[in-house]
Amino acid sequence: MRFHLFERRLDAHVRKAREYLMEANLARVEHQAAAEHHAALARMYAERVARLEQEVAKALQPISLAGSDARATDDDEPGFGDTVLFPVPIRGGRS
């Protein structure tokens, strides 16, 4: 008669190791998806920063009177395609 003390524990160990392997693979896939999402957000914000830097640089350039057309009025309305920056009110009641 043979004593089977370690065989059952080996099966339980292999079963637990397989569970850990499945959990690790699932976590890897979830983290890869999150990394792709964050990389896309980083690209989007880099493009936004570049666009806003261009708009700010354009807004800070001195206005050239030679390049303006004759229909410009005193209210200085923006023309078609001009970028307009509006101030954002700060809430919270700071004085």
N, C-alpha and C. Protein backbone atom coordinates (compact mmCIF):
# COMPACT_ATOMS: atom_id res chain seq x y z
N MET A 1 0.85 -1.17 0.00
CA MET A 1 0.00 0.00 0.00
C MET A 1 0.90 1.24 0.00
N ARG A 2 0.54 2.16 -0.86
CA ARG A 2 1.34 3.37 -1.04
C ARG A 2 0.67 4.55 -0.33
N PHE A 3 1.48 5.41 0.25
CA PHE A 3 0.97 6.56 0.99
C PHE A 3 0.96 7.78 0.04
N HIS A 4 -0.17 8.43 -0.18
CA HIS A 4 -0.33 9.52 -1.16
C HIS A 4 -0.47 10.89 -0.47
N LEU A 5 0.42 11.20 0.40
CA LEU A 5 0.35 12.44 1.15
C LEU A 5 0.57 13.68 0.27
N PHE A 6 1.56 13.65 -0.60
CA PHE A 6 1.94 14.85 -1.35
C PHE A 6 1.19 15.02 -2.67
N GLU A 7 0.57 14.00 -3.19
CA GLU A 7 -0.12 14.10 -4.47
C GLU A 7 -1.31 15.06 -4.39
N ARG A 8 -2.10 14.99 -3.39
CA ARG A 8 -3.25 15.89 -3.27
C ARG A 8 -2.79 17.33 -3.10
N ARG A 9 -1.76 17.53 -2.33
CA ARG A 9 -1.25 18.89 -2.15
C ARG A 9 -0.67 19.42 -3.45
N LEU A 10 -0.07 18.55 -4.26
CA LEU A 10 0.48 18.98 -5.54
C LEU A 10 -0.65 19.45 -6.46
N ASP A 11 -1.76 18.72 -6.49
CA ASP A 11 -2.90 19.13 -7.31
C ASP A 11 -3.44 20.48 -6.85
N ALA A 12 -3.56 20.65 -5.54
CA ALA A 12 -4.06 21.92 -5.01
C ALA A 12 -3.09 23.05 -5.33
N HIS A 13 -1.80 22.78 -5.26
CA HIS A 13 -0.79 23.80 -5.58
C HIS A 13 -0.87 24.19 -7.06
N VAL A 14 -0.99 23.20 -7.94
CA VAL A 14 -1.08 23.49 -9.38
C VAL A 14 -2.36 24.27 -9.68
N ARG A 15 -3.46 23.88 -9.07
CA ARG A 15 -4.74 24.58 -9.27
C ARG A 15 -4.63 26.04 -8.82
N LYS A 16 -4.02 26.27 -7.67
CA LYS A 16 -3.85 27.64 -7.15
C LYS A 16 -2.90 28.43 -8.06
N ALA A 17 -1.85 27.80 -8.54
CA ALA A 17 -0.91 28.47 -9.44
C ALA A 17 -1.60 28.87 -10.74
N ARG A 18 -2.49 28.02 -11.24
CA ARG A 18 -3.26 28.35 -12.46
C ARG A 18 -4.20 29.53 -12.21
N GLU A 19 -4.81 29.58 -11.04
CA GLU A 19 -5.67 30.72 -10.70
C GLU A 19 -4.85 32.01 -10.68
N TYR A 20 -3.66 31.95 -10.06
CA TYR A 20 -2.79 33.13 -10.02
C TYR A 20 -2.35 33.54 -11.42
N LEU A 21 -2.08 32.56 -12.28
CA LEU A 21 -1.69 32.85 -13.66
C LEU A 21 -2.82 33.53 -14.41
N MET A 22 -4.05 33.07 -14.25
CA MET A 22 -5.20 33.69 -14.90
C MET A 22 -5.39 35.12 -14.39
N GLU A 23 -5.27 35.33 -13.09
CA GLU A 23 -5.41 36.68 -12.52
C GLU A 23 -4.32 37.61 -13.05
N ALA A 24 -3.09 37.08 -13.14
CA ALA A 24 -1.98 37.90 -13.64
C ALA A 24 -2.19 38.28 -15.11
N ASN A 25 -2.68 37.33 -15.92
CA ASN A 25 -2.95 37.64 -17.32
C ASN A 25 -4.07 38.66 -17.48
N LEU A 26 -5.10 38.53 -16.66
CA LEU A 26 -6.20 39.49 -16.70
C LEU A 26 -5.72 40.88 -16.30
N ALA A 27 -4.91 40.96 -15.25
CA ALA A 27 -4.36 42.26 -14.82
C ALA A 27 -3.47 42.86 -15.90
N ARG A 28 -2.69 42.02 -16.59
CA ARG A 28 -1.82 42.50 -17.67
C ARG A 28 -2.65 43.12 -18.79
N VAL A 29 -3.71 42.43 -19.19
CA VAL A 29 -4.58 42.94 -20.26
C VAL A 29 -5.24 44.25 -19.82
N GLU A 30 -5.74 44.31 -18.59
CA GLU A 30 -6.37 45.54 -18.09
C GLU A 30 -5.38 46.70 -18.07
N HIS A 31 -4.15 46.44 -17.64
CA HIS A 31 -3.15 47.51 -17.58
C HIS A 31 -2.69 47.94 -18.97
N GLN A 32 -2.64 47.00 -19.91
CA GLN A 32 -2.31 47.38 -21.29
C GLN A 32 -3.39 48.27 -21.88
N ALA A 33 -4.65 47.94 -21.62
CA ALA A 33 -5.74 48.77 -22.11
C ALA A 33 -5.68 50.16 -21.48
N ALA A 34 -5.40 50.21 -20.19
CA ALA A 34 -5.30 51.51 -19.52
C ALA A 34 -4.11 52.30 -20.06
N ALA A 35 -3.00 51.63 -20.35
CA ALA A 35 -1.82 52.32 -20.90
C ALA A 35 -2.13 52.90 -22.28
N GLU A 36 -2.85 52.15 -23.10
CA GLU A 36 -3.24 52.67 -24.43
C GLU A 36 -4.14 53.89 -24.27
N HIS A 37 -5.05 53.83 -23.33
CA HIS A 37 -5.96 54.95 -23.08
C HIS A 37 -5.18 56.18 -22.65
N HIS A 38 -4.24 56.00 -21.72
CA HIS A 38 -3.46 57.13 -21.22
C HIS A 38 -2.53 57.67 -22.30
N ALA A 39 -2.00 56.80 -23.16
CA ALA A 39 -1.16 57.27 -24.26
C ALA A 39 -1.98 58.13 -25.23
N ALA A 40 -3.21 57.71 -25.49
CA ALA A 40 -4.07 58.50 -26.37
C ALA A 40 -4.39 59.85 -25.74
N LEU A 41 -4.66 59.86 -24.43
CA LEU A 41 -4.91 61.12 -23.75
C LEU A 41 -3.69 62.02 -23.78
N ALA A 42 -2.51 61.45 -23.60
CA ALA A 42 -1.28 62.24 -23.63
C ALA A 42 -1.08 62.87 -25.00
N ARG A 43 -1.34 62.12 -26.07
CA ARG A 43 -1.24 62.67 -27.43
C ARG A 43 -2.25 63.80 -27.63
N MET A 44 -3.48 63.57 -27.17
CA MET A 44 -4.52 64.58 -27.33
C MET A 44 -4.13 65.88 -26.62
N TYR A 45 -3.64 65.76 -25.38
CA TYR A 45 -3.26 66.96 -24.63
C TYR A 45 -2.02 67.62 -25.21
N ALA A 46 -1.10 66.85 -25.77
CA ALA A 46 0.07 67.46 -26.43
C ALA A 46 -0.37 68.29 -27.63
N GLU A 47 -1.32 67.76 -28.40
CA GLU A 47 -1.86 68.52 -29.54
C GLU A 47 -2.61 69.76 -29.06
N ARG A 48 -3.34 69.63 -27.98
CA ARG A 48 -4.07 70.77 -27.43
C ARG A 48 -3.12 71.85 -26.94
N VAL A 49 -2.05 71.44 -26.26
CA VAL A 49 -1.05 72.41 -25.78
C VAL A 49 -0.44 73.15 -26.96
N ALA A 50 -0.07 72.43 -28.01
CA ALA A 50 0.53 73.07 -29.18
C ALA A 50 -0.45 74.06 -29.82
N ARG A 51 -1.71 73.65 -29.93
CA ARG A 51 -2.72 74.53 -30.53
C ARG A 51 -2.94 75.78 -29.68
N LEU A 52 -3.02 75.61 -28.36
CA LEU A 52 -3.23 76.75 -27.48
C LEU A 52 -2.01 77.67 -27.45
N GLU A 53 -0.81 77.10 -27.51
CA GLU A 53 0.40 77.93 -27.57
C GLU A 53 0.40 78.78 -28.83
N GLN A 54 -0.03 78.20 -29.95
CA GLN A 54 -0.12 78.97 -31.19
C GLN A 54 -1.15 80.09 -31.08
N GLU A 55 -2.29 79.79 -30.47
CA GLU A 55 -3.32 80.81 -30.31
C GLU A 55 -2.85 81.94 -29.41
N VAL A 56 -2.17 81.60 -28.31
CA VAL A 56 -1.67 82.63 -27.41
C VAL A 56 -0.60 83.47 -28.10
N ALA A 57 0.30 82.82 -28.83
CA ALA A 57 1.35 83.55 -29.55
C ALA A 57 0.73 84.48 -30.59
N LYS A 58 -0.30 84.00 -31.26
CA LYS A 58 -0.98 84.83 -32.26
C LYS A 58 -1.67 86.01 -31.59
N ALA A 59 -2.28 85.77 -30.43
CA ALA A 59 -3.00 86.84 -29.73
C ALA A 59 -2.03 87.90 -29.19
N LEU A 60 -0.80 87.50 -28.88
CA LEU A 60 0.16 88.44 -28.31
C LEU A 60 0.95 89.22 -29.37
N GLN A 61 0.81 88.82 -30.63
CA GLN A 61 1.50 89.55 -31.69
C GLN A 61 0.86 90.92 -31.87
N PRO A 62 1.69 91.95 -32.14
CA PRO A 62 1.10 93.27 -32.38
C PRO A 62 0.25 93.26 -33.65
N ILE A 63 -0.83 94.03 -33.61
CA ILE A 63 -1.74 94.09 -34.75
C ILE A 63 -1.10 94.93 -35.84
N SER A 64 -1.06 94.38 -37.03
CA SER A 64 -0.47 95.09 -38.17
C SER A 64 -1.58 95.86 -38.88
N LEU A 65 -1.44 97.17 -38.98
CA LEU A 65 -2.45 97.97 -39.66
C LEU A 65 -2.34 97.84 -41.17
N ALA A 66 -1.17 97.50 -41.67
CA ALA A 66 -1.00 97.37 -43.12
C ALA A 66 -1.76 96.17 -43.65
N GLY A 67 -1.89 95.13 -42.87
CA GLY A 67 -2.56 93.92 -43.34
C GLY A 67 -4.05 93.93 -43.12
N SER A 68 -4.60 94.92 -42.45
CA SER A 68 -6.04 94.92 -42.20
C SER A 68 -6.79 95.40 -43.43
N ASP A 69 -7.99 94.88 -43.60
CA ASP A 69 -8.76 95.32 -44.76
C ASP A 69 -9.59 96.56 -44.42
N ALA A 70 -10.16 97.18 -45.43
CA ALA A 70 -10.83 98.47 -45.27
C ALA A 70 -12.13 98.37 -44.50
N ARG A 71 -12.72 97.18 -44.37
CA ARG A 71 -14.02 97.08 -43.70
C ARG A 71 -13.91 96.97 -42.19
N ALA A 72 -12.71 97.04 -41.63
CA ALA A 72 -12.55 96.96 -40.18
C ALA A 72 -13.22 98.16 -39.52
N THR A 73 -13.91 97.89 -38.40
CA THR A 73 -14.64 98.95 -37.71
C THR A 73 -14.04 99.16 -36.33
N ASP A 74 -14.60 100.12 -35.61
CA ASP A 74 -14.10 100.41 -34.27
C ASP A 74 -14.42 99.31 -33.28
N ASP A 75 -15.51 98.53 -33.52
CA ASP A 75 -15.82 97.47 -32.56
C ASP A 75 -14.87 96.30 -32.71
N ASP A 76 -14.05 96.28 -33.75
CA ASP A 76 -13.00 95.29 -33.92
C ASP A 76 -13.56 93.87 -33.85
N GLU A 77 -14.58 93.58 -34.63
CA GLU A 77 -15.18 92.26 -34.65
C GLU A 77 -14.26 91.29 -35.37
N PRO A 78 -14.16 90.08 -34.87
CA PRO A 78 -13.32 89.10 -35.56
C PRO A 78 -13.93 88.69 -36.88
N GLY A 79 -13.09 88.43 -37.85
CA GLY A 79 -13.55 87.99 -39.16
C GLY A 79 -13.76 86.49 -39.20
N PHE A 80 -14.14 85.99 -40.35
CA PHE A 80 -14.37 84.56 -40.51
C PHE A 80 -13.05 83.81 -40.34
N GLY A 81 -13.03 82.79 -39.50
CA GLY A 81 -11.85 81.97 -39.30
C GLY A 81 -10.91 82.50 -38.22
N ASP A 82 -11.18 83.68 -37.67
CA ASP A 82 -10.32 84.21 -36.60
C ASP A 82 -10.60 83.46 -35.31
N THR A 83 -9.57 83.25 -34.54
CA THR A 83 -9.71 82.60 -33.24
C THR A 83 -10.01 83.65 -32.20
N VAL A 84 -11.02 83.37 -31.39
CA VAL A 84 -11.41 84.31 -30.35
C VAL A 84 -11.24 83.62 -29.01
N LEU A 85 -10.53 84.25 -28.09
CA LEU A 85 -10.37 83.72 -26.74
C LEU A 85 -11.24 84.53 -25.80
N PHE A 86 -12.10 83.86 -25.06
CA PHE A 86 -12.97 84.51 -24.12
C PHE A 86 -12.46 84.28 -22.70
N PRO A 87 -12.54 85.26 -21.82
CA PRO A 87 -12.09 85.03 -20.46
C PRO A 87 -13.03 84.08 -19.74
N VAL A 88 -12.46 83.24 -18.89
CA VAL A 88 -13.26 82.28 -18.12
C VAL A 88 -13.44 82.86 -16.73
N PRO A 89 -14.69 83.08 -16.28
CA PRO A 89 -14.90 83.62 -14.93
C PRO A 89 -14.49 82.62 -13.88
N ILE A 90 -13.87 83.10 -12.83
CA ILE A 90 -13.45 82.24 -11.73
C ILE A 90 -14.51 82.30 -10.65
N ARG A 91 -15.02 81.13 -10.30
CA ARG A 91 -16.07 81.06 -9.29
C ARG A 91 -15.45 80.85 -7.93
N GLY A 92 -16.16 81.16 -6.91
CA GLY A 92 -15.68 80.93 -5.56
C GLY A 92 -15.65 82.20 -4.74
N GLY A 93 -15.97 83.32 -5.34
CA GLY A 93 -16.12 84.56 -4.60
C GLY A 93 -14.83 85.18 -4.10
N ARG A 94 -13.72 84.90 -4.76
CA ARG A 94 -12.47 85.53 -4.33
C ARG A 94 -12.46 86.98 -4.78
N SER A 95 -11.99 87.84 -3.91
CA SER A 95 -11.93 89.26 -4.24
C SER A 95 -10.52 89.72 -4.39
